[in-house]
C-alpha atoms as a PDB file:
ATOM      1  CA  UNK A   1      -0.697   0.260   0.070  1.00  0.00           C
ATOM      2  CA  UNK A   2       3.186   2.242   0.268  1.00  0.00           C
ATOM      3  CA  UNK A   3       3.713   2.711  -2.888  1.00  0.00           C
ATOM      4  CA  UNK A   4       0.085   3.181  -4.204  1.00  0.00           C
ATOM      5  CA  UNK A   5      -2.185   6.113  -4.907  1.00  0.00           C
ATOM      6  CA  UNK A   6      -5.077   6.129  -2.863  1.00  0.00           C
ATOM      7  CA  UNK A   7      -8.297   8.940  -2.795  1.00  0.00           C
ATOM      8  CA  UNK A   8     -10.969   9.546  -0.566  1.00  0.00           C
ATOM      9  CA  UNK A   9     -13.838   7.380  -2.714  1.00  0.00           C
ATOM     10  CA  UNK A  10     -15.895  10.639  -4.670  1.00  0.00           C
ATOM     11  CA  UNK A  11     -19.099   9.038  -2.204  1.00  0.00           C
ATOM     12  CA  UNK A  12     -17.781  10.078   0.954  1.00  0.00           C
ATOM     13  CA  UNK A  13     -17.890  12.950   2.836  1.00  0.00           C
ATOM     14  CA  UNK A  14     -15.266  13.929   5.860  1.00  0.00           C
ATOM     15  CA  UNK A  15     -17.071  16.465   8.413  1.00  0.00           C
ATOM     16  CA  UNK A  16     -14.467  17.093  11.261  1.00  0.00           C
ATOM     17  CA  UNK A  17     -14.720  16.937  14.556  1.00  0.00           C
ATOM     18  CA  UNK A  18     -12.476  17.214  17.437  1.00  0.00           C
ATOM     19  CA  UNK A  19     -11.296  13.833  17.941  1.00  0.00           C
ATOM     20  CA  UNK A  20     -10.223  13.571  14.003  1.00  0.00           C
ATOM     21  CA  UNK A  21     -12.842  13.595  11.601  1.00  0.00           C
ATOM     22  CA  UNK A  22     -16.690  11.531  10.542  1.00  0.00           C
ATOM     23  CA  UNK A  23     -16.639  10.046   7.283  1.00  0.00           C
ATOM     24  CA  UNK A  24     -19.890   9.041   5.888  1.00  0.00           C
ATOM     25  CA  UNK A  25     -20.572   6.590   2.256  1.00  0.00           C
ATOM     26  CA  UNK A  26     -23.673   8.357   0.656  1.00  0.00           C
ATOM     27  CA  UNK A  27     -23.289   5.132  -1.295  1.00  0.00           C
ATOM     28  CA  UNK A  28     -23.148   2.313   1.341  1.00  0.00           C
ATOM     29  CA  UNK A  29     -25.056   4.597   3.905  1.00  0.00           C
ATOM     30  CA  UNK A  30     -22.142   3.703   6.048  1.00  0.00           C
ATOM     31  CA  UNK A  31     -19.843   5.598   8.326  1.00  0.00           C
ATOM     32  CA  UNK A  32     -16.289   5.010   9.951  1.00  0.00           C
ATOM     33  CA  UNK A  33     -14.542   7.647  12.711  1.00  0.00           C
ATOM     34  CA  UNK A  34     -11.159   8.846  11.958  1.00  0.00           C
ATOM     35  CA  UNK A  35      -9.939   8.605  15.591  1.00  0.00           C
ATOM     36  CA  UNK A  36      -6.899  11.544  15.277  1.00  0.00           C
ATOM     37  CA  UNK A  37      -6.542  14.641  13.453  1.00  0.00           C
ATOM     38  CA  UNK A  38      -3.819  13.782  12.157  1.00  0.00           C
ATOM     39  CA  UNK A  39      -4.990  10.331   9.929  1.00  0.00           C
ATOM     40  CA  UNK A  40      -6.904  12.922   8.806  1.00  0.00           C
ATOM     41  CA  UNK A  41      -4.977  15.234   6.948  1.00  0.00           C
ATOM     42  CA  UNK A  42      -2.879  12.179   5.615  1.00  0.00           C
ATOM     43  CA  UNK A  43      -6.617  11.248   4.345  1.00  0.00           C
ATOM     44  CA  UNK A  44      -7.342  14.909   2.921  1.00  0.00           C
ATOM     45  CA  UNK A  45      -3.317  13.935   1.100  1.00  0.00           C
ATOM     46  CA  UNK A  46      -4.357  10.974  -0.584  1.00  0.00           C
ATOM     47  CA  UNK A  47      -5.409  12.445  -4.095  1.00  0.00           C
ATOM     48  CA  UNK A  48      -2.703  15.162  -3.973  1.00  0.00           C
ATOM     49  CA  UNK A  49      -0.194  12.617  -3.248  1.00  0.00           C
ATOM     50  CA  UNK A  50       2.598  10.249  -5.568  1.00  0.00           C
ATOM     51  CA  UNK A  51       1.861   7.581  -3.068  1.00  0.00           C
ATOM     52  CA  UNK A  52       1.251   6.666   0.326  1.00  0.00           C
ATOM     53  CA  UNK A  53       3.466   6.847   1.317  1.00  0.00           C
ATOM     54  CA  UNK A  54       4.663  10.804   0.598  1.00  0.00           C
ATOM     55  CA  UNK A  55       1.061  11.205   2.079  1.00  0.00           C
ATOM     56  CA  UNK A  56       1.908  10.357   6.087  1.00  0.00           C
ATOM     57  CA  UNK A  57       5.600  11.640   5.354  1.00  0.00           C
ATOM     58  CA  UNK A  58       4.098  14.945   3.976  1.00  0.00           C
ATOM     59  CA  UNK A  59       0.985  15.147   6.975  1.00  0.00           C
ATOM     60  CA  UNK A  60       4.500  15.129   9.668  1.00  0.00           C
ATOM     61  CA  UNK A  61       3.899  11.139  10.921  1.00  0.00           C
ATOM     62  CA  UNK A  62       6.893   9.759  11.655  1.00  0.00           C
ATOM     63  CA  UNK A  63       8.816   6.169  10.193  1.00  0.00           C
ATOM     64  CA  UNK A  64       8.083   4.312  13.419  1.00  0.00           C
ATOM     65  CA  UNK A  65       3.677   5.396  12.859  1.00  0.00           C
ATOM     66  CA  UNK A  66       3.133   4.418  10.165  1.00  0.00           C
ATOM     67  CA  UNK A  67       2.010   0.511  10.730  1.00  0.00           C
ATOM     68  CA  UNK A  68      -1.479   1.904  12.735  1.00  0.00           C
ATOM     69  CA  UNK A  69      -1.656   4.469  10.585  1.00  0.00           C
ATOM     70  CA  UNK A  70      -1.915   1.750   7.046  1.00  0.00           C
ATOM     71  CA  UNK A  71      -3.957  -0.458   9.207  1.00  0.00           C
ATOM     72  CA  UNK A  72      -6.825   2.494   9.270  1.00  0.00           C
ATOM     73  CA  UNK A  73      -5.955   3.315   5.624  1.00  0.00           C
ATOM     74  CA  UNK A  74      -6.775   0.064   4.968  1.00  0.00           C
ATOM     75  CA  UNK A  75     -10.013  -0.944   7.204  1.00  0.00           C
ATOM     76  CA  UNK A  76     -11.023   2.246   5.377  1.00  0.00           C
ATOM     77  CA  UNK A  77      -9.976   1.269   2.102  1.00  0.00           C
ATOM     78  CA  UNK A  78     -11.443  -2.391   3.309  1.00  0.00           C
ATOM     79  CA  UNK A  79     -14.727  -0.297   4.206  1.00  0.00           C
ATOM     80  CA  UNK A  80     -14.834   1.657   0.578  1.00  0.00           C
ATOM     81  CA  UNK A  81     -14.357   4.930   2.521  1.00  0.00           C
ATOM     82  CA  UNK A  82     -10.793   5.535   0.198  1.00  0.00           C
ATOM     83  CA  UNK A  83     -10.202   4.217  -3.327  1.00  0.00           C
ATOM     84  CA  UNK A  84      -7.256   2.638  -5.578  1.00  0.00           C
ATOM     85  CA  UNK A  85      -6.413   6.528  -7.478  1.00  0.00           C
ATOM     86  CA  UNK A  86      -5.804   5.980 -11.616  1.00  0.00           C
ATOM     87  CA  UNK A  87      -2.838   6.430 -12.979  1.00  0.00           C
ATOM     88  CA  UNK A  88      -4.165   7.648 -15.925  1.00  0.00           C
END
């Protein structure tokens, strides 16, 4: 996942909250909690970053913390909140 292109699904809206954000998928009606502002920053950076690793680095996430962020991103991907971005 680190070298892949991802983005927030177009049917997902993020609502900033003190703890991070709520992500609501209008197609599936799923609600997910992004539990830290840093994770919200990473998710927002995905659309313009050349990889997940770049989004993590640009958001200031220390490398030792990357595995927990990758687990969170994988959960968001499994839930349809983020999707692979086309390279075209």
